[in-house]
């Protein structure tokens, strides 16, 4: 029997937490925070048993989920959702 790790990108509370933090930061502070977060997530994925490429893919998927969350928080997106 094999065990499959829960995808990091599906951890909604973590995605929202990171998106909210990035939204409050600006410029280099936001970029530095993201780089540190990405390194940490990569190590978490590797600890969960992901192969290196799969772990990197997980971090990219997480980044996409954060970007989508940030995009949805934009006022113009909220207006589109109401239409």
N, C-alpha and C. Protein backbone atom coordinates (compact mmCIF):
# COMPACT_ATOMS: atom_id res chain seq x y z
N UNK A 1 0.84 -1.17 0.00
CA UNK A 1 0.00 0.00 0.00
C UNK A 1 0.89 1.24 0.00
N UNK A 2 0.54 2.22 -0.83
CA UNK A 2 1.32 3.46 -0.85
C UNK A 2 0.47 4.59 -0.27
N UNK A 3 1.14 5.55 0.32
CA UNK A 3 0.47 6.69 0.91
C UNK A 3 0.78 7.90 0.03
N UNK A 4 -0.26 8.66 -0.29
CA UNK A 4 -0.09 9.86 -1.10
C UNK A 4 -0.26 11.07 -0.21
N UNK A 5 0.70 11.98 -0.27
CA UNK A 5 0.65 13.19 0.55
C UNK A 5 -0.45 14.12 0.04
N UNK A 6 -1.08 14.83 0.97
CA UNK A 6 -2.09 15.81 0.61
C UNK A 6 -1.39 16.98 -0.07
N UNK A 7 -1.87 17.40 -1.24
CA UNK A 7 -1.20 18.48 -1.97
C UNK A 7 -1.16 19.79 -1.18
N UNK A 8 0.00 20.38 -1.10
CA UNK A 8 0.18 21.64 -0.39
C UNK A 8 -0.73 22.72 -0.98
N UNK A 9 -0.88 22.70 -2.29
CA UNK A 9 -1.68 23.73 -2.97
C UNK A 9 -3.17 23.64 -2.62
N UNK A 10 -3.58 22.55 -2.00
CA UNK A 10 -4.99 22.39 -1.60
C UNK A 10 -5.22 22.77 -0.14
N UNK A 11 -4.18 23.18 0.54
CA UNK A 11 -4.30 23.60 1.94
C UNK A 11 -4.78 25.05 1.94
N UNK A 12 -6.10 25.21 1.84
CA UNK A 12 -6.73 26.51 1.61
C UNK A 12 -6.34 27.54 2.67
N UNK A 13 -6.31 27.15 3.92
CA UNK A 13 -5.96 28.12 4.97
C UNK A 13 -4.53 28.62 4.81
N UNK A 14 -3.62 27.74 4.39
CA UNK A 14 -2.24 28.15 4.18
C UNK A 14 -2.13 29.05 2.96
N UNK A 15 -2.84 28.71 1.89
CA UNK A 15 -2.85 29.55 0.69
C UNK A 15 -3.34 30.94 1.05
N UNK A 16 -4.44 31.03 1.79
CA UNK A 16 -4.98 32.34 2.17
C UNK A 16 -4.03 33.12 3.07
N UNK A 17 -3.41 32.44 4.01
CA UNK A 17 -2.46 33.09 4.92
C UNK A 17 -1.30 33.70 4.14
N UNK A 18 -0.73 32.94 3.22
CA UNK A 18 0.40 33.42 2.43
C UNK A 18 -0.05 34.55 1.51
N UNK A 19 -1.21 34.40 0.87
CA UNK A 19 -1.72 35.46 -0.01
C UNK A 19 -1.95 36.75 0.77
N UNK A 20 -2.53 36.65 1.95
CA UNK A 20 -2.78 37.84 2.77
C UNK A 20 -1.48 38.51 3.18
N UNK A 21 -0.48 37.71 3.51
CA UNK A 21 0.81 38.27 3.90
C UNK A 21 1.47 38.98 2.73
N UNK A 22 1.48 38.34 1.57
CA UNK A 22 2.06 38.95 0.38
C UNK A 22 1.32 40.22 0.01
N UNK A 23 0.00 40.21 0.18
CA UNK A 23 -0.80 41.39 -0.15
C UNK A 23 -0.43 42.59 0.72
N UNK A 24 -0.04 42.34 1.96
CA UNK A 24 0.34 43.42 2.88
C UNK A 24 1.76 43.91 2.63
N UNK A 25 2.61 43.06 2.08
CA UNK A 25 4.00 43.43 1.82
C UNK A 25 4.11 44.05 0.42
N UNK A 26 5.22 44.70 0.18
CA UNK A 26 5.41 45.33 -1.12
C UNK A 26 6.84 45.13 -1.59
N UNK A 27 7.02 45.12 -2.90
CA UNK A 27 8.35 45.09 -3.49
C UNK A 27 9.22 43.95 -3.02
N UNK A 28 10.42 44.31 -2.64
CA UNK A 28 11.42 43.30 -2.26
C UNK A 28 11.00 42.52 -1.01
N UNK A 29 10.26 43.17 -0.10
CA UNK A 29 9.80 42.44 1.09
C UNK A 29 8.88 41.28 0.70
N UNK A 30 7.98 41.55 -0.25
CA UNK A 30 7.06 40.49 -0.72
C UNK A 30 7.84 39.39 -1.43
N UNK A 31 8.80 39.78 -2.26
CA UNK A 31 9.60 38.80 -3.01
C UNK A 31 10.43 37.94 -2.06
N UNK A 32 11.03 38.58 -1.06
CA UNK A 32 11.82 37.84 -0.07
C UNK A 32 10.94 36.87 0.71
N UNK A 33 9.78 37.34 1.13
CA UNK A 33 8.85 36.47 1.86
C UNK A 33 8.48 35.26 1.00
N UNK A 34 8.18 35.51 -0.29
CA UNK A 34 7.79 34.40 -1.15
C UNK A 34 8.95 33.40 -1.32
N UNK A 35 10.16 33.89 -1.52
CA UNK A 35 11.31 32.98 -1.68
C UNK A 35 11.50 32.12 -0.44
N UNK A 36 11.39 32.73 0.72
CA UNK A 36 11.53 31.97 1.97
C UNK A 36 10.41 30.94 2.11
N UNK A 37 9.21 31.35 1.74
CA UNK A 37 8.05 30.44 1.80
C UNK A 37 8.24 29.28 0.83
N UNK A 38 8.68 29.57 -0.38
CA UNK A 38 8.88 28.53 -1.39
C UNK A 38 9.92 27.52 -0.93
N UNK A 39 11.02 28.01 -0.34
CA UNK A 39 12.05 27.08 0.17
C UNK A 39 11.48 26.18 1.26
N UNK A 40 10.69 26.78 2.15
CA UNK A 40 10.09 26.00 3.23
C UNK A 40 9.12 24.96 2.66
N UNK A 41 8.27 25.38 1.72
CA UNK A 41 7.30 24.45 1.14
C UNK A 41 8.00 23.31 0.40
N UNK A 42 9.11 23.63 -0.26
CA UNK A 42 9.86 22.58 -0.95
C UNK A 42 10.38 21.56 0.05
N UNK A 43 10.90 22.03 1.17
CA UNK A 43 11.40 21.09 2.19
C UNK A 43 10.26 20.27 2.79
N UNK A 44 9.09 20.90 2.98
CA UNK A 44 7.93 20.17 3.50
C UNK A 44 7.51 19.07 2.52
N UNK A 45 7.45 19.42 1.24
CA UNK A 45 7.05 18.42 0.23
C UNK A 45 8.04 17.26 0.19
N UNK A 46 9.33 17.58 0.26
CA UNK A 46 10.34 16.52 0.26
C UNK A 46 10.21 15.64 1.50
N UNK A 47 9.94 16.26 2.65
CA UNK A 47 9.74 15.48 3.88
C UNK A 47 8.51 14.59 3.78
N UNK A 48 7.52 15.03 3.03
CA UNK A 48 6.29 14.24 2.85
C UNK A 48 6.49 13.09 1.87
N UNK A 49 7.67 13.02 1.27
CA UNK A 49 7.97 11.89 0.41
C UNK A 49 7.90 12.17 -1.08
N UNK A 50 7.69 13.42 -1.47
CA UNK A 50 7.69 13.76 -2.88
C UNK A 50 9.09 13.62 -3.46
N UNK A 51 9.19 13.19 -4.70
CA UNK A 51 10.46 13.24 -5.43
C UNK A 51 10.74 14.72 -5.71
N UNK A 52 11.98 15.06 -6.01
CA UNK A 52 12.37 16.46 -6.17
C UNK A 52 11.53 17.20 -7.21
N UNK A 53 11.37 16.64 -8.39
CA UNK A 53 10.59 17.32 -9.43
C UNK A 53 9.12 17.45 -9.03
N UNK A 54 8.58 16.44 -8.41
CA UNK A 54 7.19 16.50 -7.95
C UNK A 54 7.03 17.55 -6.86
N UNK A 55 8.03 17.67 -5.99
CA UNK A 55 8.00 18.68 -4.93
C UNK A 55 8.03 20.07 -5.53
N UNK A 56 8.88 20.27 -6.52
CA UNK A 56 8.94 21.57 -7.20
C UNK A 56 7.61 21.89 -7.87
N UNK A 57 7.02 20.88 -8.48
CA UNK A 57 5.70 21.07 -9.11
C UNK A 57 4.67 21.48 -8.06
N UNK A 58 4.72 20.87 -6.90
CA UNK A 58 3.81 21.22 -5.80
C UNK A 58 3.96 22.68 -5.41
N UNK A 59 5.20 23.14 -5.32
CA UNK A 59 5.44 24.55 -4.95
C UNK A 59 4.89 25.47 -6.04
N UNK A 60 5.07 25.09 -7.30
CA UNK A 60 4.50 25.90 -8.40
C UNK A 60 2.98 25.91 -8.33
N UNK A 61 2.37 24.78 -8.02
CA UNK A 61 0.91 24.72 -7.88
C UNK A 61 0.45 25.60 -6.72
N UNK A 62 1.21 25.59 -5.64
CA UNK A 62 0.88 26.42 -4.49
C UNK A 62 0.97 27.90 -4.89
N UNK A 63 2.04 28.26 -5.61
CA UNK A 63 2.20 29.63 -6.09
C UNK A 63 1.01 30.04 -6.95
N UNK A 64 0.57 29.16 -7.84
CA UNK A 64 -0.60 29.45 -8.67
C UNK A 64 -1.84 29.67 -7.83
N UNK A 65 -2.02 28.87 -6.79
CA UNK A 65 -3.18 29.03 -5.90
C UNK A 65 -3.12 30.35 -5.16
N UNK A 66 -1.92 30.75 -4.73
CA UNK A 66 -1.75 32.05 -4.06
C UNK A 66 -2.07 33.17 -5.04
N UNK A 67 -1.54 33.08 -6.25
CA UNK A 67 -1.80 34.11 -7.26
C UNK A 67 -3.29 34.24 -7.56
N UNK A 68 -3.97 33.12 -7.68
CA UNK A 68 -5.41 33.15 -7.93
C UNK A 68 -6.15 33.80 -6.77
N UNK A 69 -5.75 33.49 -5.56
CA UNK A 69 -6.37 34.10 -4.38
C UNK A 69 -6.14 35.60 -4.37
N UNK A 70 -4.93 36.03 -4.68
CA UNK A 70 -4.64 37.46 -4.75
C UNK A 70 -5.46 38.13 -5.85
N UNK A 71 -5.55 37.49 -6.99
CA UNK A 71 -6.32 38.04 -8.11
C UNK A 71 -7.79 38.20 -7.74
N UNK A 72 -8.33 37.20 -7.07
CA UNK A 72 -9.75 37.26 -6.69
C UNK A 72 -10.03 38.35 -5.66
N UNK A 73 -9.00 38.81 -4.97
CA UNK A 73 -9.20 39.85 -3.96
C UNK A 73 -9.19 41.25 -4.58
N UNK A 74 -8.82 41.35 -5.85
CA UNK A 74 -8.80 42.66 -6.51
C UNK A 74 -10.22 43.17 -6.70
N UNK A 75 -10.46 44.46 -6.48
CA UNK A 75 -11.81 45.02 -6.62
C UNK A 75 -12.42 44.78 -8.00
N UNK A 76 -11.62 44.92 -9.05
CA UNK A 76 -12.18 44.74 -10.40
C UNK A 76 -12.61 43.29 -10.65
N UNK A 77 -11.94 42.32 -10.03
CA UNK A 77 -12.34 40.93 -10.15
C UNK A 77 -13.65 40.71 -9.40
N UNK A 78 -13.77 41.28 -8.21
CA UNK A 78 -14.99 41.15 -7.42
C UNK A 78 -16.19 41.70 -8.20
N UNK A 79 -15.97 42.82 -8.92
CA UNK A 79 -17.05 43.39 -9.75
C UNK A 79 -17.44 42.44 -10.86
N UNK A 80 -16.47 41.76 -11.48
CA UNK A 80 -16.75 40.80 -12.55
C UNK A 80 -17.54 39.61 -12.01
N UNK A 81 -17.24 39.18 -10.81
CA UNK A 81 -17.92 38.05 -10.20
C UNK A 81 -19.40 38.34 -9.99
N UNK A 82 -19.74 39.59 -9.72
CA UNK A 82 -21.13 39.98 -9.45
C UNK A 82 -21.95 40.02 -10.72
N UNK A 83 -21.32 40.23 -11.87
CA UNK A 83 -22.04 40.36 -13.15
C UNK A 83 -22.59 39.04 -13.61
